[in-house]
Amino acid sequence: ILIKVHAAGITGDAVTWPEIYATPSRIPGHEISGTV
């Protein structure tokens, strides 16, 4: 499902989570709200 993101939550500690550095896009963020 593709979501048009209206807002995305920020978790400050996410810079210490290793998975972001293995993601090719380097786009963080796990919480979203928007429309399909």
PDB file of all heavy atoms in Angstrom:
ATOM      1  N   ILE A   1       0.861  -1.190   0.000  1.00  0.00           N
ATOM      2  CA  ILE A   1       0.000   0.000   0.000  1.00  0.00           C
ATOM      3  C   ILE A   1       0.893   1.234   0.000  1.00  0.00           C
ATOM      4  O   ILE A   1       1.864   1.294   0.766  1.00  0.00           O
ATOM      5  CB  ILE A   1      -0.911   0.005   1.245  1.00  0.00           C
ATOM      6  CG1 ILE A   1      -1.755  -1.272   1.288  1.00  0.00           C
ATOM      7  CG2 ILE A   1      -1.797   1.243   1.277  1.00  0.00           C
ATOM      8  CD1 ILE A   1      -2.409  -1.523   2.629  1.00  0.00           C
ATOM      9  N   LEU A   2       0.581   2.186  -0.853  1.00  0.00           N
ATOM     10  CA  LEU A   2       1.322   3.451  -0.895  1.00  0.00           C
ATOM     11  C   LEU A   2       0.532   4.493  -0.117  1.00  0.00           C
ATOM     12  O   LEU A   2      -0.649   4.736  -0.396  1.00  0.00           O
ATOM     13  CB  LEU A   2       1.522   3.914  -2.333  1.00  0.00           C
ATOM     14  CG  LEU A   2       2.284   5.240  -2.501  1.00  0.00           C
ATOM     15  CD1 LEU A   2       3.738   5.083  -2.059  1.00  0.00           C
ATOM     16  CD2 LEU A   2       2.204   5.727  -3.944  1.00  0.00           C
ATOM     17  N   ILE A   3       1.197   5.104   0.847  1.00  0.00           N
ATOM     18  CA  ILE A   3       0.566   6.124   1.679  1.00  0.00           C
ATOM     19  C   ILE A   3       1.114   7.504   1.322  1.00  0.00           C
ATOM     20  O   ILE A   3       2.330   7.693   1.240  1.00  0.00           O
ATOM     21  CB  ILE A   3       0.828   5.862   3.182  1.00  0.00           C
ATOM     22  CG1 ILE A   3       0.359   4.462   3.572  1.00  0.00           C
ATOM     23  CG2 ILE A   3       0.145   6.927   4.041  1.00  0.00           C
ATOM     24  CD1 ILE A   3      -1.110   4.196   3.357  1.00  0.00           C
ATOM     25  N   LYS A   4       0.211   8.446   1.100  1.00  0.00           N
ATOM     26  CA  LYS A   4       0.614   9.851   1.018  1.00  0.00           C
ATOM     27  C   LYS A   4       0.710  10.345   2.455  1.00  0.00           C
ATOM     28  O   LYS A   4      -0.298  10.432   3.164  1.00  0.00           O
ATOM     29  CB  LYS A   4      -0.394  10.687   0.239  1.00  0.00           C
ATOM     30  CG  LYS A   4      -0.026  12.173   0.178  1.00  0.00           C
ATOM     31  CD  LYS A   4      -0.972  12.943  -0.709  1.00  0.00           C
ATOM     32  CE  LYS A   4      -0.716  14.449  -0.619  1.00  0.00           C
ATOM     33  NZ  LYS A   4       0.681  14.841  -0.852  1.00  0.00           N
ATOM     34  N   VAL A   5       1.917  10.610   2.900  1.00  0.00           N
ATOM     35  CA  VAL A   5       2.165  10.922   4.310  1.00  0.00           C
ATOM     36  C   VAL A   5       1.832  12.380   4.588  1.00  0.00           C
ATOM     37  O   VAL A   5       2.386  13.288   3.970  1.00  0.00           O
ATOM     38  CB  VAL A   5       3.633  10.627   4.677  1.00  0.00           C
ATOM     39  CG1 VAL A   5       3.905  11.001   6.128  1.00  0.00           C
ATOM     40  CG2 VAL A   5       3.962   9.151   4.436  1.00  0.00           C
ATOM     41  N   HIS A   6       0.907  12.597   5.511  1.00  0.00           N
ATOM     42  CA  HIS A   6       0.603  13.959   5.955  1.00  0.00           C
ATOM     43  C   HIS A   6       1.476  14.360   7.147  1.00  0.00           C
ATOM     44  O   HIS A   6       1.844  15.531   7.289  1.00  0.00           O
ATOM     45  CB  HIS A   6      -0.866  14.079   6.331  1.00  0.00           C
ATOM     46  CG  HIS A   6      -1.804  13.816   5.193  1.00  0.00           C
ATOM     47  ND1 HIS A   6      -1.497  14.130   3.888  1.00  0.00           N
ATOM     48  CD2 HIS A   6      -3.032  13.251   5.161  1.00  0.00           C
ATOM     49  CE1 HIS A   6      -2.507  13.792   3.102  1.00  0.00           C
ATOM     50  NE2 HIS A   6      -3.443  13.238   3.847  1.00  0.00           N
ATOM     51  N   ALA A   7       1.795  13.389   8.002  1.00  0.00           N
ATOM     52  CA  ALA A   7       2.632  13.663   9.174  1.00  0.00           C
ATOM     53  C   ALA A   7       3.399  12.406   9.552  1.00  0.00           C
ATOM     54  O   ALA A   7       2.911  11.283   9.351  1.00  0.00           O
ATOM     55  CB  ALA A   7       1.781  14.131  10.355  1.00  0.00           C
ATOM     56  N   ALA A   8       4.603  12.595  10.087  1.00  0.00           N
ATOM     57  CA  ALA A   8       5.460  11.473  10.491  1.00  0.00           C
ATOM     58  C   ALA A   8       6.074  11.769  11.849  1.00  0.00           C
ATOM     59  O   ALA A   8       6.635  12.852  12.059  1.00  0.00           O
ATOM     60  CB  ALA A   8       6.559  11.234   9.457  1.00  0.00           C
ATOM     61  N   GLY A   9       5.962  10.838  12.762  1.00  0.00           N
ATOM     62  CA  GLY A   9       6.524  11.009  14.102  1.00  0.00           C
ATOM     63  C   GLY A   9       8.036  10.889  14.100  1.00  0.00           C
ATOM     64  O   GLY A   9       8.626  10.215  13.250  1.00  0.00           O
ATOM     65  N   ILE A  10       8.672  11.568  15.052  1.00  0.00           N
ATOM     66  CA  ILE A  10      10.127  11.509  15.206  1.00  0.00           C
ATOM     67  C   ILE A  10      10.449  10.856  16.544  1.00  0.00           C
ATOM     68  O   ILE A  10       9.939  11.271  17.588  1.00  0.00           O
ATOM     69  CB  ILE A  10      10.772  12.910  15.190  1.00  0.00           C
ATOM     70  CG1 ILE A  10      10.345  13.711  13.969  1.00  0.00           C
ATOM     71  CG2 ILE A  10      12.300  12.789  15.237  1.00  0.00           C
ATOM     72  CD1 ILE A  10      10.837  15.156  13.991  1.00  0.00           C
ATOM     73  N   THR A  11      11.298   9.853  16.514  1.00  0.00           N
ATOM     74  CA  THR A  11      11.856   9.254  17.735  1.00  0.00           C
ATOM     75  C   THR A  11      13.336   9.607  17.761  1.00  0.00           C
ATOM     76  O   THR A  11      14.109   9.116  16.931  1.00  0.00           O
ATOM     77  CB  THR A  11      11.667   7.735  17.750  1.00  0.00           C
ATOM     78  OG1 THR A  11      10.262   7.440  17.666  1.00  0.00           O
ATOM     79  CG2 THR A  11      12.229   7.139  19.020  1.00  0.00           C
ATOM     80  N   GLY A  12      13.720  10.468  18.687  1.00  0.00           N
ATOM     81  CA  GLY A  12      15.081  10.995  18.705  1.00  0.00           C
ATOM     82  C   GLY A  12      16.158   9.927  18.784  1.00  0.00           C
ATOM     83  O   GLY A  12      17.237  10.072  18.201  1.00  0.00           O
ATOM     84  N   ASP A  13      15.871   8.825  19.490  1.00  0.00           N
ATOM     85  CA  ASP A  13      16.863   7.764  19.649  1.00  0.00           C
ATOM     86  C   ASP A  13      17.088   6.958  18.370  1.00  0.00           C
ATOM     87  O   ASP A  13      17.987   6.120  18.318  1.00  0.00           O
ATOM     88  CB  ASP A  13      16.443   6.809  20.767  1.00  0.00           C
ATOM     89  CG  ASP A  13      16.516   7.460  22.146  1.00  0.00           C
ATOM     90  OD1 ASP A  13      17.288   8.428  22.298  1.00  0.00           O
ATOM     91  OD2 ASP A  13      15.807   6.993  23.059  1.00  0.00           O
ATOM     92  N   ALA A  14      16.272   7.197  17.346  1.00  0.00           N
ATOM     93  CA  ALA A  14      16.377   6.394  16.121  1.00  0.00           C
ATOM     94  C   ALA A  14      17.730   6.522  15.432  1.00  0.00           C
ATOM     95  O   ALA A  14      18.118   5.655  14.651  1.00  0.00           O
ATOM     96  CB  ALA A  14      15.264   6.771  15.144  1.00  0.00           C
ATOM     97  N   VAL A  15      18.463   7.590  15.723  1.00  0.00           N
ATOM     98  CA  VAL A  15      19.796   7.728  15.116  1.00  0.00           C
ATOM     99  C   VAL A  15      20.753   6.658  15.624  1.00  0.00           C
ATOM    100  O   VAL A  15      21.806   6.436  15.025  1.00  0.00           O
ATOM    101  CB  VAL A  15      20.402   9.135  15.371  1.00  0.00           C
ATOM    102  CG1 VAL A  15      19.603  10.219  14.661  1.00  0.00           C
ATOM    103  CG2 VAL A  15      20.502   9.417  16.865  1.00  0.00           C
ATOM    104  N   THR A  16      20.401   5.969  16.706  1.00  0.00           N
ATOM    105  CA  THR A  16      21.253   4.907  17.246  1.00  0.00           C
ATOM    106  C   THR A  16      20.784   3.519  16.800  1.00  0.00           C
ATOM    107  O   THR A  16      21.382   2.523  17.177  1.00  0.00           O
ATOM    108  CB  THR A  16      21.277   4.943  18.787  1.00  0.00           C
ATOM    109  OG1 THR A  16      19.968   4.608  19.294  1.00  0.00           O
ATOM    110  CG2 THR A  16      21.667   6.323  19.289  1.00  0.00           C
ATOM    111  N   TRP A  17      19.716   3.460  16.008  1.00  0.00           N
ATOM    112  CA  TRP A  17      19.188   2.174  15.568  1.00  0.00           C
ATOM    113  C   TRP A  17      19.925   1.735  14.304  1.00  0.00           C
ATOM    114  O   TRP A  17      19.953   2.461  13.301  1.00  0.00           O
ATOM    115  CB  TRP A  17      17.695   2.271  15.302  1.00  0.00           C
ATOM    116  CG  TRP A  17      16.888   2.654  16.513  1.00  0.00           C
ATOM    117  CD1 TRP A  17      17.323   2.719  17.800  1.00  0.00           C
ATOM    118  CD2 TRP A  17      15.512   3.033  16.536  1.00  0.00           C
ATOM    119  NE1 TRP A  17      16.317   3.114  18.635  1.00  0.00           N
ATOM    120  CE2 TRP A  17      15.185   3.315  17.889  1.00  0.00           C
ATOM    121  CE3 TRP A  17      14.519   3.156  15.565  1.00  0.00           C
ATOM    122  CZ2 TRP A  17      13.912   3.720  18.276  1.00  0.00           C
ATOM    123  CZ3 TRP A  17      13.254   3.557  15.947  1.00  0.00           C
ATOM    124  CH2 TRP A  17      12.957   3.827  17.289  1.00  0.00           C
ATOM    125  N   PRO A  18      20.523   0.561  14.298  1.00  0.00           N
ATOM    126  CA  PRO A  18      21.377   0.158  13.173  1.00  0.00           C
ATOM    127  C   PRO A  18      20.656  -0.023  11.854  1.00  0.00           C
ATOM    128  O   PRO A  18      21.258   0.118  10.789  1.00  0.00           O
ATOM    129  CB  PRO A  18      21.995  -1.157  13.651  1.00  0.00           C
ATOM    130  CG  PRO A  18      21.060  -1.666  14.701  1.00  0.00           C
ATOM    131  CD  PRO A  18      20.504  -0.451  15.369  1.00  0.00           C
ATOM    132  N   GLU A  19      19.344  -0.319  11.885  1.00  0.00           N
ATOM    133  CA  GLU A  19      18.664  -0.635  10.630  1.00  0.00           C
ATOM    134  C   GLU A  19      18.641   0.527   9.638  1.00  0.00           C
ATOM    135  O   GLU A  19      18.666   0.320   8.423  1.00  0.00           O
ATOM    136  CB  GLU A  19      17.230  -1.115  10.889  1.00  0.00           C
ATOM    137  CG  GLU A  19      16.337  -0.121  11.586  1.00  0.00           C
ATOM    138  CD  GLU A  19      16.319  -0.290  13.091  1.00  0.00           C
ATOM    139  OE1 GLU A  19      17.254  -0.930  13.623  1.00  0.00           O
ATOM    140  OE2 GLU A  19      15.390   0.221  13.727  1.00  0.00           O
ATOM    141  N   ILE A  20      18.611   1.765  10.158  1.00  0.00           N
ATOM    142  CA  ILE A  20      18.561   2.907   9.242  1.00  0.00           C
ATOM    143  C   ILE A  20      19.811   2.985   8.375  1.00  0.00           C
ATOM    144  O   ILE A  20      19.768   3.383   7.212  1.00  0.00           O
ATOM    145  CB  ILE A  20      18.344   4.233  10.010  1.00  0.00           C
ATOM    146  CG1 ILE A  20      18.218   5.414   9.053  1.00  0.00           C
ATOM    147  CG2 ILE A  20      19.485   4.507  10.982  1.00  0.00           C
ATOM    148  CD1 ILE A  20      17.079   5.304   8.088  1.00  0.00           C
ATOM    149  N   TYR A  21      20.946   2.545   8.919  1.00  0.00           N
ATOM    150  CA  TYR A  21      22.213   2.637   8.190  1.00  0.00           C
ATOM    151  C   TYR A  21      22.356   1.517   7.161  1.00  0.00           C
ATOM    152  O   TYR A  21      23.266   1.544   6.343  1.00  0.00           O
ATOM    153  CB  TYR A  21      23.373   2.652   9.180  1.00  0.00           C
ATOM    154  CG  TYR A  21      23.251   3.826  10.137  1.00  0.00           C
ATOM    155  CD1 TYR A  21      22.675   3.654  11.400  1.00  0.00           C
ATOM    156  CD2 TYR A  21      23.656   5.098   9.751  1.00  0.00           C
ATOM    157  CE1 TYR A  21      22.520   4.741  12.260  1.00  0.00           C
ATOM    158  CE2 TYR A  21      23.498   6.185  10.609  1.00  0.00           C
ATOM    159  CZ  TYR A  21      22.929   5.997  11.856  1.00  0.00           C
ATOM    160  OH  TYR A  21      22.762   7.074  12.699  1.00  0.00           O
ATOM    161  N   ALA A  22      21.432   0.552   7.211  1.00  0.00           N
ATOM    162  CA  ALA A  22      21.418  -0.513   6.208  1.00  0.00           C
ATOM    163  C   ALA A  22      20.342  -0.281   5.147  1.00  0.00           C
ATOM    164  O   ALA A  22      20.190  -1.084   4.225  1.00  0.00           O
ATOM    165  CB  ALA A  22      21.188  -1.863   6.885  1.00  0.00           C
ATOM    166  N   THR A  23      19.585   0.809   5.295  1.00  0.00           N
ATOM    167  CA  THR A  23      18.523   1.127   4.339  1.00  0.00           C
ATOM    168  C   THR A  23      19.095   1.985   3.221  1.00  0.00           C
ATOM    169  O   THR A  23      19.644   3.062   3.494  1.00  0.00           O
ATOM    170  CB  THR A  23      17.388   1.897   5.048  1.00  0.00           C
ATOM    171  OG1 THR A  23      16.916   1.120   6.147  1.00  0.00           O
ATOM    172  CG2 THR A  23      16.242   2.175   4.089  1.00  0.00           C
ATOM    173  N   PRO A  24      18.990   1.566   1.957  1.00  0.00           N
ATOM    174  CA  PRO A  24      19.597   2.336   0.858  1.00  0.00           C
ATOM    175  C   PRO A  24      19.147   3.792   0.807  1.00  0.00           C
ATOM    176  O   PRO A  24      19.948   4.679   0.514  1.00  0.00           O
ATOM    177  CB  PRO A  24      19.159   1.564  -0.390  1.00  0.00           C
ATOM    178  CG  PRO A  24      18.965   0.166   0.089  1.00  0.00           C
ATOM    179  CD  PRO A  24      18.420   0.293   1.477  1.00  0.00           C
ATOM    180  N   SER A  25      17.885   4.058   1.105  1.00  0.00           N
ATOM    181  CA  SER A  25      17.384   5.433   1.013  1.00  0.00           C
ATOM    182  C   SER A  25      17.848   6.310   2.167  1.00  0.00           C
ATOM    183  O   SER A  25      17.832   7.534   2.051  1.00  0.00           O
ATOM    184  CB  SER A  25      15.856   5.435   0.987  1.00  0.00           C
ATOM    185  OG  SER A  25      15.341   5.114   2.270  1.00  0.00           O
ATOM    186  N   ARG A  26      18.195   5.681   3.288  1.00  0.00           N
ATOM    187  CA  ARG A  26      18.554   6.390   4.527  1.00  0.00           C
ATOM    188  C   ARG A  26      17.414   7.272   5.039  1.00  0.00           C
ATOM    189  O   ARG A  26      17.640   8.246   5.756  1.00  0.00           O
ATOM    190  CB  ARG A  26      19.826   7.239   4.333  1.00  0.00           C
ATOM    191  CG  ARG A  26      21.114   6.437   4.182  1.00  0.00           C
ATOM    192  CD  ARG A  26      21.434   5.684   5.470  1.00  0.00           C
ATOM    193  NE  ARG A  26      22.753   5.101   5.454  1.00  0.00           N
ATOM    194  CZ  ARG A  26      23.834   5.682   5.957  1.00  0.00           C
ATOM    195  NH1 ARG A  26      23.739   6.864   6.520  1.00  0.00           N
ATOM    196  NH2 ARG A  26      24.993   5.074   5.895  1.00  0.00           N
ATOM    197  N   ILE A  27      16.186   6.958   4.653  1.00  0.00           N
ATOM    198  CA  ILE A  27      15.025   7.693   5.150  1.00  0.00           C
ATOM    199  C   ILE A  27      14.583   7.065   6.470  1.00  0.00           C
ATOM    200  O   ILE A  27      14.255   5.872   6.506  1.00  0.00           O
ATOM    201  CB  ILE A  27      13.857   7.659   4.146  1.00  0.00           C
ATOM    202  CG1 ILE A  27      14.254   8.315   2.828  1.00  0.00           C
ATOM    203  CG2 ILE A  27      12.626   8.368   4.727  1.00  0.00           C
ATOM    204  CD1 ILE A  27      13.219   8.156   1.730  1.00  0.00           C
ATOM    205  N   PRO A  28      14.554   7.819   7.575  1.00  0.00           N
ATOM    206  CA  PRO A  28      14.115   7.265   8.854  1.00  0.00           C
ATOM    207  C   PRO A  28      12.589   7.341   8.978  1.00  0.00           C
ATOM    208  O   PRO A  28      11.903   7.841   8.091  1.00  0.00           O
ATOM    209  CB  PRO A  28      14.789   8.187   9.864  1.00  0.00           C
ATOM    210  CG  PRO A  28      14.768   9.524   9.164  1.00  0.00           C
ATOM    211  CD  PRO A  28      14.977   9.225   7.695  1.00  0.00           C
ATOM    212  N   GLY A  29      12.096   6.874  10.093  1.00  0.00           N
ATOM    213  CA  GLY A  29      10.690   7.067  10.412  1.00  0.00           C
ATOM    214  C   GLY A  29       9.863   5.808  10.368  1.00  0.00           C
ATOM    215  O   GLY A  29       9.781   5.136   9.337  1.00  0.00           O
ATOM    216  N   HIS A  30       9.208   5.501  11.503  1.00  0.00           N
ATOM    217  CA  HIS A  30       8.363   4.318  11.603  1.00  0.00           C
ATOM    218  C   HIS A  30       6.906   4.652  11.885  1.00  0.00           C
ATOM    219  O   HIS A  30       6.057   3.771  11.782  1.00  0.00           O
ATOM    220  CB  HIS A  30       8.890   3.395  12.709  1.00  0.00           C
ATOM    221  CG  HIS A  30      10.258   2.864  12.438  1.00  0.00           C
ATOM    222  ND1 HIS A  30      10.500   1.738  11.674  1.00  0.00           N
ATOM    223  CD2 HIS A  30      11.488   3.313  12.802  1.00  0.00           C
ATOM    224  CE1 HIS A  30      11.801   1.514  11.588  1.00  0.00           C
ATOM    225  NE2 HIS A  30      12.418   2.454  12.273  1.00  0.00           N
ATOM    226  N   GLU A  31       6.611   5.886  12.249  1.00  0.00           N
ATOM    227  CA  GLU A  31       5.238   6.270  12.570  1.00  0.00           C
ATOM    228  C   GLU A  31       4.725   7.256  11.526  1.00  0.00           C
ATOM    229  O   GLU A  31       5.352   8.298  11.282  1.00  0.00           O
ATOM    230  CB  GLU A  31       5.173   6.926  13.946  1.00  0.00           C
ATOM    231  CG  GLU A  31       5.503   5.998  15.099  1.00  0.00           C
ATOM    232  CD  GLU A  31       5.437   6.714  16.426  1.00  0.00           C
ATOM    233  OE1 GLU A  31       6.311   7.565  16.688  1.00  0.00           O
ATOM    234  OE2 GLU A  31       4.512   6.437  17.189  1.00  0.00           O
ATOM    235  N   ILE A  32       3.568   6.946  10.946  1.00  0.00           N
ATOM    236  CA  ILE A  32       3.017   7.814   9.914  1.00  0.00           C
ATOM    237  C   ILE A  32       1.508   7.961  10.069  1.00  0.00           C
ATOM    238  O   ILE A  32       0.836   7.123  10.671  1.00  0.00           O
ATOM    239  CB  ILE A  32       3.319   7.300   8.493  1.00  0.00           C
ATOM    240  CG1 ILE A  32       2.700   5.913   8.271  1.00  0.00           C
ATOM    241  CG2 ILE A  32       4.820   7.275   8.229  1.00  0.00           C
ATOM    242  CD1 ILE A  32       2.765   5.431   6.825  1.00  0.00           C
ATOM    243  N   SER A  33       1.016   9.030   9.487  1.00  0.00           N
ATOM    244  CA  SER A  33      -0.416   9.236   9.336  1.00  0.00           C
ATOM    245  C   SER A  33      -0.619   9.899   7.979  1.00  0.00           C
ATOM    246  O   SER A  33       0.173  10.745   7.566  1.00  0.00           O
ATOM    247  CB  SER A  33      -0.943  10.132  10.456  1.00  0.00           C
ATOM    248  OG  SER A  33      -2.323  10.360  10.292  1.00  0.00           O
ATOM    249  N   GLY A  34      -1.667   9.497   7.269  1.00  0.00           N
ATOM    250  CA  GLY A  34      -1.892  10.072   5.946  1.00  0.00           C
ATOM    251  C   GLY A  34      -3.094   9.461   5.273  1.00  0.00           C
ATOM    252  O   GLY A  34      -4.040   9.000   5.941  1.00  0.00           O
ATOM    253  N   THR A  35      -3.068   9.425   3.944  1.00  0.00           N
ATOM    254  CA  THR A  35      -4.154   8.839   3.181  1.00  0.00           C
ATOM    255  C   THR A  35      -3.604   7.793   2.222  1.00  0.00           C
ATOM    256  O   THR A  35      -2.456   7.875   1.780  1.00  0.00           O
ATOM    257  CB  THR A  35      -4.911   9.905   2.376  1.00  0.00           C
ATOM    258  OG1 THR A  35      -3.986  10.649   1.582  1.00  0.00           O
ATOM    259  CG2 THR A  35      -5.662  10.855   3.298  1.00  0.00           C
ATOM    260  N   VAL A  36      -4.431   6.806   1.910  1.00  0.00           N
ATOM    261  CA  VAL A  36      -4.035   5.778   0.946  1.00  0.00           C
ATOM    262  C   VAL A  36      -3.957   6.414  -0.435  1.00  0.00           C
ATOM    263  O   VAL A  36      -4.941   6.953  -0.934  1.00  0.00           O
ATOM    264  CB  VAL A  36      -5.033   4.606   0.953  1.00  0.00           C
ATOM    265  CG1 VAL A  36      -4.656   3.583  -0.114  1.00  0.00           C
ATOM    266  CG2 VAL A  36      -5.095   3.955   2.328  1.00  0.00           C
TER     267      VAL A  36
END
